[in-house]
Structure formats: structure tokens, C-alpha cells
């Protein structure tokens, strides 16, 4: 495992991607580790060489006791960059990671090519953070887990991706209390806002539309106002935007750092994100068959529906997968789209997307609003699928 040492503290890091790509440093929020970026990495790797770092006190890095300071955490990043052989890089950071990125650019301007602070702030309420630090030192991270999780991810995303939320919570609860408290002290004591006008580095502030921890108003907006020439973009996400909106965050970074090459790369990013949702809903076997059957005639159509239907619609956090599945069943039955109806009935039942009773109730409702003949055929088609599943449950 690669470690860099700064002030007798070991900092864990990971370097990924082709050596001829421009380097991009990715920093995590408080209460997470470098896995915060896992969902965005596939969208960034084609364009960048990625250096991910577990902030002091987090992940596999050492977690010494006492208060940390942002300049200390920025110096940790310099030590890692040196160990990785990177002299200068763009730096993107979420929450605490964004604060460290700003500090790094202020203290080590020659090593920062561009800044992407994400869902972050240059000034937080010191009193509330002092209270949080005290609570963690007294009762561990469990003392603030409910508060943190209520801000990390939006309720809609948690409903749609409960396993992701549970993994985040487990990681937070397993975290060394000294590391969380030390990093919390760095947030409490930051002194950034008055120095930001001196920055002379391209800066993109990424704001989460559902971020209640550092909403753009009074947080991101102040960075934009203070940093000369800073730009901003908004994504549909809560505080941990690379988890909730990985494709959108990656696309924003690529468009900012590589202007003029974003059209094709953005399309590729959205296709890969849509493919993830398509596999989640329909299963790998069906998707692999569909991809294998592409022809020069229909390939662009398949790419379009993957980007739009599967990323733009199925990727939205406003409804859970079960609701979306049943809506598709009702709509395809109403319109007589029996091939699509059969696909979603079969995969919904096979993959636990809904129960037979829920399917029955959906078709009963369809009978009233779309007509008995449509529902009659839907019951018949669904009955064939259920009979087949009962005959061959595997």
C-alpha cells in the first residue's frame, strides 16, 4: 500500500490512470474516505490520471489525536503529490476536501493548476463545529452519525439506493473518533474567506441543489464572489455529490478542465452512467444480450436511449425503482407496448422489483383508467410470464 509521510503521519494514496493524462487530485469530505469518488472514477479515468488521497484521520491514513489545521492537511497533500511524482495538478475536493483544496492553492500556488471546490464553504459556524468536535470526542462518531447522514445524501437517493447509504453509515461509524474530531477542528478554525481574493487559479465551484450542509447561498456563492473569475455549476445532489450525481460531477469537471473536448466525452460519461442504471434495473444478462445485438443501423439509437431514458430518467432520485417499474408496466399496458411490458414484468418479478400482488393492483388500476380490454390483455401476458417463472424458477 502506498503511503507518504508528513510530520510522522502516514497518508494513504492511490494513483490510477494513464501516465500521459493530466493529473487530477481528488480529496474526500469529513467522515468519508477516497471511496467517496468510486462512482465518479470510471467517468474521469478516460481523461485524467487520478490521485486519490485519504485525508489525515480518514480511511487508511493515520489518525493522530489533537486538533488538525487546514494548512497541515494541505501540506499532507503536497507530501503525497511529491511521493506520486506529481509537481502540479488540478485539485477537486468535496466539503472538507474543498476547503483543503482552497488552502493548498493559497499556500502552494505553484502546485495547483485549477480548483474544483464541491459542496463546500470558506467559512463555517465555529460554535456548531466546536460542539460537534466535543460530541465526537465524548461519544465517538455514533454521536453525530444521524446528523451527518441526514446531510450527506438526499432522502430520495437513500430510498433509491439504500445499500449505498448503509455503506456510508457503516464507514462513518467505523471511523476513528480522533480523526473525525481532528478534522472537525480544522473546519472550525479555518481562515480562508479573507484570503480568497488573492487566488489566481481557474476555479469552478460545484454546488448541490439538495445540499443542506453547505447550500450555495451563503457558502458556495461566497467563494464565487471572492475568487477572481470563479465559475459555478449546479448538480442535482445533496452534500456528497460524487456519490449522488457521479456522472454530472465528472462531466462538470471534464468540461471545465478540458474545454472544447467535452461534447463527445460528456456523451460517453452519460452513456456509462445510463448503462449502470440499465444493468441495475434489467440485469447484466439482458443488457449484455442487448449490447451484443447492436448493429450499425441501431447503435446510435441504443446509445441515445441509454443516455436519456436510463441516465436522465431512471437516474433521477425523485422516485424509487419500484415506483418507476410499476409506472412503466401501467403505461406500456395502456399503450399496448407488449414487448416492453413483458420485459419490465419479467425483470421486475425476477429481480424483486415488485411483488405479484403489486403487479395485480397496478393492472387493476390500469383497467379503470386505460380500459378493461388493455388490462385484460395485460393480465393474460403477465399470466404467461408468471407461469413460466413458476415452471422454471431459476
Protein backbone atom coordinates (compact mmCIF):
# COMPACT_ATOMS: atom_id res chain seq x y z
CA UNK A 1 0.00 0.00 0.00
CA UNK A 2 1.45 3.43 -0.93
CA UNK A 3 1.90 5.86 1.94
CA UNK A 4 3.51 9.27 2.12
CA UNK A 5 4.79 10.53 5.44
CA UNK A 6 4.38 14.09 6.65
CA UNK A 7 5.24 15.14 10.22
CA UNK A 8 5.46 11.46 11.22
CA UNK A 9 1.90 10.80 9.99
CA UNK A 10 1.32 8.29 7.18
CA UNK A 11 -1.10 9.40 4.45
CA UNK A 12 -2.57 6.73 2.18
CA UNK A 13 -2.90 7.46 -1.53
CA UNK A 14 -3.79 5.74 -4.78
CA UNK A 15 -2.73 6.66 -8.32
CA UNK A 16 -4.84 5.47 -11.27
CA UNK A 17 -4.90 6.06 -15.00
CA UNK A 18 -2.58 6.55 -17.93
CA UNK A 19 0.64 8.44 -17.22
CA UNK A 20 0.17 10.68 -20.29
CA UNK A 21 -3.11 12.10 -18.93
CA UNK A 22 -3.17 15.38 -16.94
CA UNK A 23 -3.18 14.75 -13.17
CA UNK A 24 -6.27 15.38 -11.08
CA UNK A 25 -6.14 15.18 -7.27
CA UNK A 26 -9.38 14.06 -5.56
CA UNK A 27 -9.99 14.85 -1.88
CA UNK A 28 -12.69 13.45 0.40
CA UNK A 29 -15.15 15.02 2.81
CA UNK A 30 -15.08 14.65 6.57
CA UNK A 31 -16.46 11.28 7.60
CA UNK A 32 -15.61 9.52 4.32
CA UNK A 33 -12.50 8.24 2.55
CA UNK A 34 -11.27 8.08 -1.03
CA UNK A 35 -14.11 5.66 -1.89
CA UNK A 36 -16.30 8.77 -1.96
CA UNK A 37 -15.11 9.07 -5.58
CA UNK A 38 -15.65 5.42 -6.62
CA UNK A 39 -18.80 6.10 -8.63
CA UNK A 40 -17.22 9.04 -10.47
CA UNK A 41 -13.84 7.42 -11.20
CA UNK A 42 -14.98 5.47 -14.31
CA UNK A 43 -16.19 8.75 -15.83
CA UNK A 44 -12.92 10.57 -15.06
CA UNK A 45 -10.31 7.94 -15.89
CA UNK A 46 -10.53 8.32 -19.67
CA UNK A 47 -9.45 11.96 -19.33
CA UNK A 48 -7.19 12.17 -16.26
CA UNK A 49 -4.56 10.48 -14.16
CA UNK A 50 -6.28 10.36 -10.78
CA UNK A 51 -4.52 10.77 -7.45
CA UNK A 52 -6.89 9.92 -4.60
CA UNK A 53 -5.92 10.62 -1.01
CA UNK A 54 -7.31 9.52 2.34
CA UNK A 55 -7.24 12.75 4.36
CA UNK A 56 -5.39 12.55 7.66
CA UNK A 57 -7.66 10.84 10.18
CA UNK A 58 -9.68 9.08 7.47
CA UNK A 59 -9.60 5.73 5.68
CA UNK A 60 -6.19 4.02 5.80
CA UNK A 61 -4.30 7.17 6.79
CA UNK A 62 -3.07 7.63 10.35
CA UNK A 63 -5.43 9.34 12.80
CA UNK A 64 -3.33 11.17 15.39
CA UNK A 65 -5.08 12.85 18.29
CA UNK A 66 -5.48 16.58 18.78
CA UNK A 67 -6.74 19.38 16.57
CA UNK A 68 -5.83 19.40 12.88
CA UNK A 69 -5.35 22.58 10.87
CA UNK A 70 -6.12 23.21 7.21
CA UNK A 71 -2.51 24.24 6.42
CA UNK A 72 -1.39 20.91 7.94
CA UNK A 73 -3.86 18.99 5.76
CA UNK A 74 -2.74 20.95 2.68
CA UNK A 75 0.88 20.07 3.46
CA UNK A 76 -0.18 16.40 3.63
CA UNK A 77 -1.42 16.72 0.03
CA UNK A 78 1.91 18.25 -1.04
CA UNK A 79 3.75 15.30 0.53
CA UNK A 80 1.54 12.84 -1.36
CA UNK A 81 1.95 14.67 -4.66
CA UNK A 82 5.71 14.57 -4.18
CA UNK A 83 5.61 10.84 -3.42
CA UNK A 84 3.49 10.24 -6.52
CA UNK A 85 5.84 12.24 -8.72
CA UNK A 86 3.29 14.95 -9.50
CA UNK A 87 4.56 18.52 -9.49
CA UNK A 88 1.36 20.32 -10.43
CA UNK A 89 -2.26 19.20 -10.72
CA UNK A 90 -5.87 20.25 -10.81
CA UNK A 91 -7.47 19.62 -7.41
CA UNK A 92 -11.09 18.71 -6.73
CA UNK A 93 -12.40 18.27 -3.19
CA UNK A 94 -15.75 17.71 -1.53
CA UNK A 95 -16.68 19.59 1.68
CA UNK A 96 -13.56 19.35 3.87
CA UNK A 97 -11.69 18.29 0.73
CA UNK A 98 -12.76 21.51 -0.98
CA UNK A 99 -11.51 23.53 1.98
CA UNK A 100 -8.17 21.73 1.80
CA UNK A 101 -8.01 22.42 -1.94
CA UNK A 102 -8.53 26.14 -1.33
CA UNK A 103 -5.87 26.15 1.39
CA UNK A 104 -3.50 24.27 -0.90
CA UNK A 105 -3.93 26.84 -3.67
CA UNK A 106 -3.31 29.68 -1.20
CA UNK A 107 -0.24 28.14 0.43
CA UNK A 108 1.24 26.33 -2.58
CA UNK A 109 0.02 28.19 -5.68
CA UNK A 110 2.67 26.75 -7.99
CA UNK A 111 1.38 23.23 -7.43
CA UNK A 112 -2.28 23.88 -8.24
CA UNK A 113 -3.27 24.16 -11.90
CA UNK A 114 -7.02 24.50 -11.28
CA UNK A 115 -9.50 24.27 -8.42
CA UNK A 116 -12.85 22.48 -8.21
CA UNK A 117 -14.37 23.01 -4.73
CA UNK A 118 -17.51 20.85 -4.46
CA UNK A 119 -20.33 21.32 -1.92
CA UNK A 120 -18.05 23.27 0.38
CA UNK A 121 -17.52 26.57 2.15
CA UNK A 122 -14.80 29.03 3.10
CA UNK A 123 -16.36 29.84 6.47
CA UNK A 124 -18.48 27.68 8.77
CA UNK A 125 -20.23 28.24 12.10
CA UNK A 126 -17.39 27.78 14.59
CA UNK A 127 -19.74 27.29 17.56
CA UNK A 128 -21.66 24.40 15.98
CA UNK A 129 -18.44 22.72 14.86
CA UNK A 130 -16.90 23.13 18.32
CA UNK A 131 -19.97 21.35 19.70
CA UNK A 132 -19.65 18.59 17.12
CA UNK A 133 -15.97 18.05 17.90
CA UNK A 134 -16.77 17.79 21.63
CA UNK A 135 -19.59 15.31 20.99
CA UNK A 136 -17.38 13.05 18.89
CA UNK A 137 -14.55 13.12 21.43
CA UNK A 138 -17.04 12.16 24.13
CA UNK A 139 -19.15 9.60 22.29
CA UNK A 140 -17.41 8.66 19.05
CA UNK A 141 -18.78 9.15 15.56
CA UNK A 142 -22.06 7.48 16.57
CA UNK A 143 -22.86 10.72 18.41
CA UNK A 144 -23.12 12.60 15.10
CA UNK A 145 -24.00 9.80 12.67
CA UNK A 146 -27.69 10.71 12.33
CA UNK A 147 -26.86 14.37 11.75
CA UNK A 148 -24.16 13.59 9.21
CA UNK A 149 -26.26 11.08 7.26
CA UNK A 150 -29.20 13.49 7.11
CA UNK A 151 -26.93 15.87 5.21
CA UNK A 152 -24.70 13.51 3.25
CA UNK A 153 -27.42 12.15 0.92
CA UNK A 154 -30.91 13.25 -0.07
CA UNK A 155 -33.92 11.22 1.18
CA UNK A 156 -34.85 10.35 -2.40
CA UNK A 157 -31.39 8.95 -3.12
CA UNK A 158 -31.38 6.93 0.12
CA UNK A 159 -34.74 5.42 -0.86
CA UNK A 160 -33.46 4.53 -4.33
CA UNK A 161 -30.00 3.30 -3.23
CA UNK A 162 -30.34 2.03 0.37
CA UNK A 163 -27.23 -0.17 0.12
CA UNK A 164 -25.08 2.84 -0.74
CA UNK A 165 -26.46 4.79 2.21
CA UNK A 166 -25.91 1.87 4.59
CA UNK A 167 -22.32 1.53 3.38
CA UNK A 168 -21.71 5.24 4.01
CA UNK A 169 -23.15 5.00 7.50
CA UNK A 170 -21.10 1.89 8.33
CA UNK A 171 -17.93 3.65 7.20
CA UNK A 172 -18.73 6.68 9.33
CA UNK A 173 -19.43 4.57 12.42
CA UNK A 174 -16.19 2.64 11.93
CA UNK A 175 -14.12 5.81 11.65
CA UNK A 176 -11.56 6.70 14.31
CA UNK A 177 -13.12 9.35 16.54
CA UNK A 178 -9.79 11.15 16.87
CA UNK A 179 -9.60 11.56 13.11
CA UNK A 180 -13.12 12.94 12.78
CA UNK A 181 -12.67 15.31 15.73
CA UNK A 182 -9.28 16.49 14.50
CA UNK A 183 -10.67 17.24 11.04
CA UNK A 184 -13.70 18.91 12.59
CA UNK A 185 -11.36 21.25 14.43
CA UNK A 186 -9.75 22.18 11.09
CA UNK A 187 -13.19 23.12 9.74
CA UNK A 188 -13.99 25.05 12.92
CA UNK A 189 -10.78 27.06 12.80
CA UNK A 190 -10.42 27.66 9.05
CA UNK A 191 -9.32 31.12 7.96
CA UNK A 192 -9.97 31.16 4.23
CA UNK A 193 -12.62 33.67 3.25
CA UNK A 194 -10.49 36.83 3.60
CA UNK A 195 -7.62 35.33 1.59
CA UNK A 196 -9.65 34.11 -1.39
CA UNK A 197 -9.37 37.35 -3.44
CA UNK A 198 -5.62 36.66 -3.74
CA UNK A 199 -6.20 33.40 -5.66
CA UNK A 200 -5.14 33.48 -9.29
CA UNK A 201 -6.10 29.99 -10.42
CA UNK A 202 -9.01 28.83 -12.62
CA UNK A 203 -11.81 27.86 -10.23
CA UNK A 204 -15.10 26.04 -10.69
CA UNK A 205 -17.45 25.87 -7.70
CA UNK A 206 -19.80 22.87 -7.91
CA UNK A 207 -22.98 23.23 -5.84
CA UNK A 208 -25.52 20.57 -4.90
CA UNK A 209 -29.12 21.65 -5.39
CA UNK A 210 -30.15 19.46 -2.43
CA UNK A 211 -27.15 20.28 -0.23
CA UNK A 212 -28.40 21.36 3.20
CA UNK A 213 -24.94 21.27 4.80
CA UNK A 214 -23.26 23.87 2.59
CA UNK A 215 -26.01 25.28 0.36
CA UNK A 216 -24.83 27.51 -2.47
CA UNK A 217 -26.41 30.58 -0.89
CA UNK A 218 -24.07 31.79 1.89
CA UNK A 219 -21.45 29.11 1.12
CA UNK A 220 -20.52 28.36 -2.49
CA UNK A 221 -21.74 31.77 -3.61
CA UNK A 222 -19.29 33.48 -1.28
CA UNK A 223 -16.40 31.55 -2.82
CA UNK A 224 -17.57 32.52 -6.31
CA UNK A 225 -17.84 36.17 -5.26
CA UNK A 226 -14.41 36.19 -3.61
CA UNK A 227 -12.24 34.28 -6.12
CA UNK A 228 -11.47 36.35 -9.22
CA UNK A 229 -13.00 34.81 -12.32
CA UNK A 230 -14.54 31.85 -10.48
CA UNK A 231 -17.32 29.99 -12.26
CA UNK A 232 -20.11 27.84 -10.88
CA UNK A 233 -22.28 24.91 -11.87
CA UNK A 234 -25.13 23.15 -10.08
CA UNK A 235 -25.91 19.42 -9.93
CA UNK A 236 -28.96 17.56 -8.64
CA UNK A 237 -27.42 16.18 -5.46
CA UNK A 238 -27.09 16.60 -1.72
CA UNK A 239 -23.76 17.12 0.08
CA UNK A 240 -21.87 14.10 -1.26
CA UNK A 241 -22.36 14.96 -4.91
CA UNK A 242 -19.84 12.43 -6.36
CA UNK A 243 -21.96 9.65 -4.86
CA UNK A 244 -25.37 11.02 -5.69
CA UNK A 245 -24.58 12.51 -9.11
CA UNK A 246 -21.27 10.98 -10.25
CA UNK A 247 -21.82 11.44 -13.98
CA UNK A 248 -22.89 15.05 -13.61
CA UNK A 249 -19.93 15.91 -11.36
CA UNK A 250 -17.49 14.17 -13.72
CA UNK A 251 -18.98 15.95 -16.73
CA UNK A 252 -18.66 19.32 -15.00
CA UNK A 253 -15.01 18.63 -14.17
CA UNK A 254 -14.19 17.48 -17.70
CA UNK A 255 -15.91 20.44 -19.33
CA UNK A 256 -14.07 22.85 -17.03
CA UNK A 257 -10.61 21.34 -17.33
CA UNK A 258 -10.80 20.31 -20.98
CA UNK A 259 -12.98 22.85 -22.79
CA UNK A 260 -13.60 22.12 -26.44
CA UNK A 261 -13.40 18.35 -25.99
CA UNK A 262 -16.45 18.00 -23.80
CA UNK A 263 -19.18 17.04 -26.30
CA UNK A 264 -18.01 13.51 -27.03
CA UNK A 265 -16.67 12.93 -23.53
CA UNK A 266 -19.91 14.13 -21.92
CA UNK A 267 -21.90 11.78 -24.14
CA UNK A 268 -19.61 8.91 -23.16
CA UNK A 269 -19.95 9.80 -19.49
CA UNK A 270 -23.75 9.87 -19.66
CA UNK A 271 -23.81 6.60 -21.63
CA UNK A 272 -21.74 4.82 -18.97
CA UNK A 273 -23.91 6.24 -16.20
CA UNK A 274 -27.06 5.14 -18.05
CA UNK A 275 -25.59 1.68 -18.55
CA UNK A 276 -25.11 1.40 -14.78
CA UNK A 277 -28.83 2.11 -14.18
CA UNK A 278 -29.88 -0.16 -17.03
CA UNK A 279 -27.91 -3.06 -15.55
CA UNK A 280 -29.31 -2.36 -12.09
CA UNK A 281 -32.90 -2.49 -13.30
CA UNK A 282 -32.78 -5.14 -16.05
CA UNK A 283 -29.79 -7.27 -15.04
CA UNK A 284 -26.44 -7.92 -16.71
CA UNK A 285 -27.63 -10.86 -18.81
CA UNK A 286 -30.36 -8.91 -20.62
CA UNK A 287 -28.18 -5.82 -21.09
CA UNK A 288 -25.27 -7.87 -22.43
CA UNK A 289 -27.60 -9.51 -24.97
CA UNK A 290 -28.95 -6.13 -26.00
CA UNK A 291 -25.47 -4.68 -26.46
CA UNK A 292 -24.34 -7.72 -28.43
CA UNK A 293 -27.28 -7.33 -30.84
CA UNK A 294 -26.40 -3.75 -31.78
CA UNK A 295 -25.88 -3.08 -35.47
CA UNK A 296 -24.51 -0.07 -37.36
CA UNK A 297 -28.13 0.79 -38.11
CA UNK A 298 -29.42 0.88 -34.48
CA UNK A 299 -26.26 1.58 -32.43
CA UNK A 300 -26.84 5.34 -32.18
CA UNK A 301 -30.47 4.77 -31.18
CA UNK A 302 -29.36 2.34 -28.44
CA UNK A 303 -26.81 4.88 -27.20
CA UNK A 304 -29.44 7.62 -27.15
CA UNK A 305 -31.94 5.68 -25.04
CA UNK A 306 -29.16 4.63 -22.66
CA UNK A 307 -28.12 8.23 -22.13
CA UNK A 308 -31.62 9.71 -21.93
CA UNK A 309 -34.03 7.05 -20.69
CA UNK A 310 -31.63 5.22 -18.39
CA UNK A 311 -29.46 8.07 -17.11
CA UNK A 312 -31.66 11.14 -17.32
CA UNK A 313 -34.87 9.42 -16.17
CA UNK A 314 -34.00 6.19 -14.31
CA UNK A 315 -31.06 8.00 -12.71
CA UNK A 316 -33.22 10.70 -11.16
CA UNK A 317 -33.58 10.40 -7.36
CA UNK A 318 -37.20 11.66 -7.23
CA UNK A 319 -38.80 8.19 -7.41
CA UNK A 320 -37.54 4.81 -6.28
CA UNK A 321 -37.01 1.95 -8.74
CA UNK A 322 -40.15 0.10 -7.63
CA UNK A 323 -42.38 3.08 -8.43
CA UNK A 324 -40.70 3.63 -11.79
CA UNK A 325 -41.06 -0.07 -12.70
CA UNK A 326 -44.80 -0.09 -11.93
CA UNK A 327 -45.32 3.14 -13.85
CA UNK A 328 -43.67 1.57 -16.90
CA UNK A 329 -45.88 -1.52 -16.55
CA UNK A 330 -49.03 0.61 -16.39
CA UNK A 331 -48.03 2.87 -19.28
CA UNK A 332 -46.91 0.08 -21.61
CA UNK A 333 -50.13 -1.86 -20.88
CA UNK A 334 -52.20 1.25 -21.59
CA UNK A 335 -50.44 1.81 -24.90
CA UNK A 336 -50.31 -1.85 -25.90
CA UNK A 337 -46.50 -1.93 -25.99
CA UNK A 338 -46.44 -5.63 -25.14
CA UNK A 339 -42.76 -6.33 -25.80
CA UNK A 340 -41.68 -3.62 -23.39
CA UNK A 341 -44.46 -4.64 -20.98
CA UNK A 342 -43.19 -8.23 -20.91
CA UNK A 343 -39.59 -7.09 -20.37
CA UNK A 344 -40.44 -5.00 -17.31
CA UNK A 345 -42.90 -7.50 -15.85
CA UNK A 346 -40.37 -10.33 -16.14
CA UNK A 347 -37.38 -8.39 -14.79
CA UNK A 348 -39.48 -6.77 -12.06
CA UNK A 349 -40.65 -10.17 -10.77
CA UNK A 350 -37.30 -11.91 -11.29
CA UNK A 351 -35.24 -9.20 -9.59
CA UNK A 352 -37.58 -8.43 -6.70
CA UNK A 353 -38.57 -5.07 -8.15
CA UNK A 354 -42.18 -5.60 -7.14
CA UNK A 355 -44.44 -8.40 -5.91
CA UNK A 356 -47.14 -10.26 -7.81
CA UNK A 357 -49.76 -8.56 -5.66
CA UNK A 358 -48.33 -5.14 -6.54
CA UNK A 359 -48.39 -6.09 -10.22
CA UNK A 360 -52.02 -7.21 -9.90
CA UNK A 361 -53.03 -3.94 -8.22
CA UNK A 362 -51.27 -1.93 -10.91
CA UNK A 363 -53.18 -3.76 -13.63
CA UNK A 364 -56.47 -3.34 -11.73
CA UNK A 365 -55.82 0.40 -11.64
CA UNK A 366 -54.95 0.34 -15.33
CA UNK A 367 -58.32 -1.25 -16.11
CA UNK A 368 -60.17 1.73 -14.66
CA UNK A 369 -58.08 4.48 -16.24
CA UNK A 370 -56.95 2.89 -19.53
CA UNK A 371 -59.78 0.45 -20.24
CA UNK A 372 -60.71 -3.14 -19.44
CA UNK A 373 -59.54 -4.53 -22.82
CA UNK A 374 -56.00 -3.22 -22.23
CA UNK A 375 -55.94 -4.65 -18.71
CA UNK A 376 -57.43 -7.94 -19.92
CA UNK A 377 -54.54 -8.40 -22.36
CA UNK A 378 -52.06 -7.26 -19.70
CA UNK A 379 -53.34 -9.88 -17.23
CA UNK A 380 -53.04 -12.54 -19.93
CA UNK A 381 -49.48 -11.52 -20.89
CA UNK A 382 -48.40 -11.25 -17.26
CA UNK A 383 -50.01 -14.64 -16.54
CA UNK A 384 -47.83 -16.27 -19.20
CA UNK A 385 -44.73 -14.77 -17.64
CA UNK A 386 -45.71 -15.89 -14.13
CA UNK A 387 -46.44 -19.40 -15.40
CA UNK A 388 -43.01 -19.52 -16.97
CA UNK A 389 -41.32 -18.34 -13.81
CA UNK A 390 -43.20 -20.94 -11.74
CA UNK A 391 -42.17 -23.67 -14.18
CA UNK A 392 -38.53 -22.59 -14.24
CA UNK A 393 -37.86 -20.51 -11.09
CA UNK A 394 -34.13 -20.33 -11.89
